[in-house]
Amino acid sequence: MVNETYEAASKNQFFRDIASKEHTLPNGRKIKISSGTIKKWFLNYKHGGFDALIPKARADVGQPRNIDAKTGTIILR
């Protein structure tokens, strides 16, 4: 994919072809991966290299995303 050597008619078709297959994880578990996920991984790699594929920790870990401090206080009461 990175070298543009895929045989599918388009990149999107290639992503769909790969997504239609079952993949085996290192632990032996079999999974299917969506074409959107594969495309996202490809674009991340293309723009940021291998490091872009390493999951990042969330900046808001432990913080509510949709509840402001006042509402949180009310809920706790």
Protein backbone atom coordinates (compact mmCIF):
# COMPACT_ATOMS: atom_id res chain seq x y z
CA MET A 1 0.00 0.00 0.00
CA VAL A 2 2.71 2.46 0.98
CA ASN A 3 4.64 1.70 -2.21
CA GLU A 4 1.47 1.97 -4.37
CA THR A 5 1.87 -1.68 -5.47
CA TYR A 6 -1.60 -2.98 -4.58
CA GLU A 7 -3.59 -4.82 -7.26
CA ALA A 8 -7.05 -3.45 -6.44
CA ALA A 9 -8.71 -0.92 -8.74
CA SER A 10 -8.38 1.82 -6.08
CA LYS A 11 -7.07 2.38 -2.57
CA ASN A 12 -10.61 2.26 -1.19
CA GLN A 13 -11.19 -1.07 -2.92
CA PHE A 14 -7.93 -2.34 -1.44
CA PHE A 15 -9.08 -1.29 2.05
CA ARG A 16 -12.40 -3.09 1.50
CA ASP A 17 -10.62 -6.22 0.22
CA ILE A 18 -8.39 -6.36 3.30
CA ALA A 19 -11.35 -5.67 5.60
CA SER A 20 -13.30 -8.58 4.10
CA LYS A 21 -10.68 -11.06 5.37
CA GLU A 22 -10.22 -12.49 8.83
CA HIS A 23 -6.91 -11.66 10.53
CA THR A 24 -5.15 -13.63 13.26
CA LEU A 25 -3.68 -11.71 16.19
CA PRO A 26 -0.39 -12.82 17.80
CA ASN A 27 -2.40 -14.46 20.61
CA GLY A 28 -4.27 -16.59 18.04
CA ARG A 29 -7.56 -14.69 18.24
CA LYS A 30 -9.21 -14.09 14.86
CA ILE A 31 -10.69 -10.67 14.11
CA LYS A 32 -12.05 -8.56 11.27
CA ILE A 33 -10.94 -4.96 10.90
CA SER A 34 -13.13 -2.34 9.24
CA SER A 35 -12.00 -0.68 6.03
CA GLY A 36 -12.26 2.70 7.78
CA THR A 37 -9.81 1.58 10.47
CA ILE A 38 -7.36 0.26 7.88
CA LYS A 39 -7.62 3.53 5.94
CA LYS A 40 -7.06 5.55 9.14
CA TRP A 41 -3.97 3.45 9.97
CA PHE A 42 -2.62 3.94 6.44
CA LEU A 43 -3.13 7.72 6.54
CA ASN A 44 -1.59 7.98 10.01
CA TYR A 45 1.44 6.02 8.82
CA LYS A 46 1.72 8.04 5.62
CA HIS A 47 1.67 11.36 7.49
CA GLY A 48 3.54 10.44 10.67
CA GLY A 49 5.46 7.22 10.08
CA PHE A 50 5.48 4.24 12.42
CA ASP A 51 5.32 6.45 15.52
CA ALA A 52 1.91 7.71 14.37
CA LEU A 53 0.54 4.16 14.80
CA ILE A 54 1.45 3.93 18.48
CA PRO A 55 -1.63 4.66 20.63
CA LYS A 56 -1.43 7.90 22.56
CA ALA A 57 -2.68 8.33 26.12
CA ARG A 58 -5.73 10.53 26.39
CA ALA A 59 -5.07 14.00 27.75
CA ASP A 60 -8.39 13.98 29.63
CA VAL A 61 -7.99 10.66 31.48
CA GLY A 62 -10.04 10.73 34.65
CA GLN A 63 -11.89 13.89 33.65
CA PRO A 64 -15.54 13.92 32.63
CA ARG A 65 -15.92 15.02 29.03
CA ASN A 66 -19.53 16.17 29.06
CA ILE A 67 -20.18 17.21 32.65
CA ASP A 68 -19.09 20.61 33.94
CA ALA A 69 -17.87 21.04 37.53
CA LYS A 70 -21.21 22.45 38.79
CA THR A 71 -23.21 19.53 37.37
CA GLY A 72 -20.65 17.07 38.76
CA THR A 73 -21.06 18.53 42.21
CA ILE A 74 -24.85 18.22 42.00
CA ILE A 75 -24.57 14.59 40.88
CA LEU A 76 -22.23 13.75 43.76
CA ARG A 77 -24.65 15.25 46.27
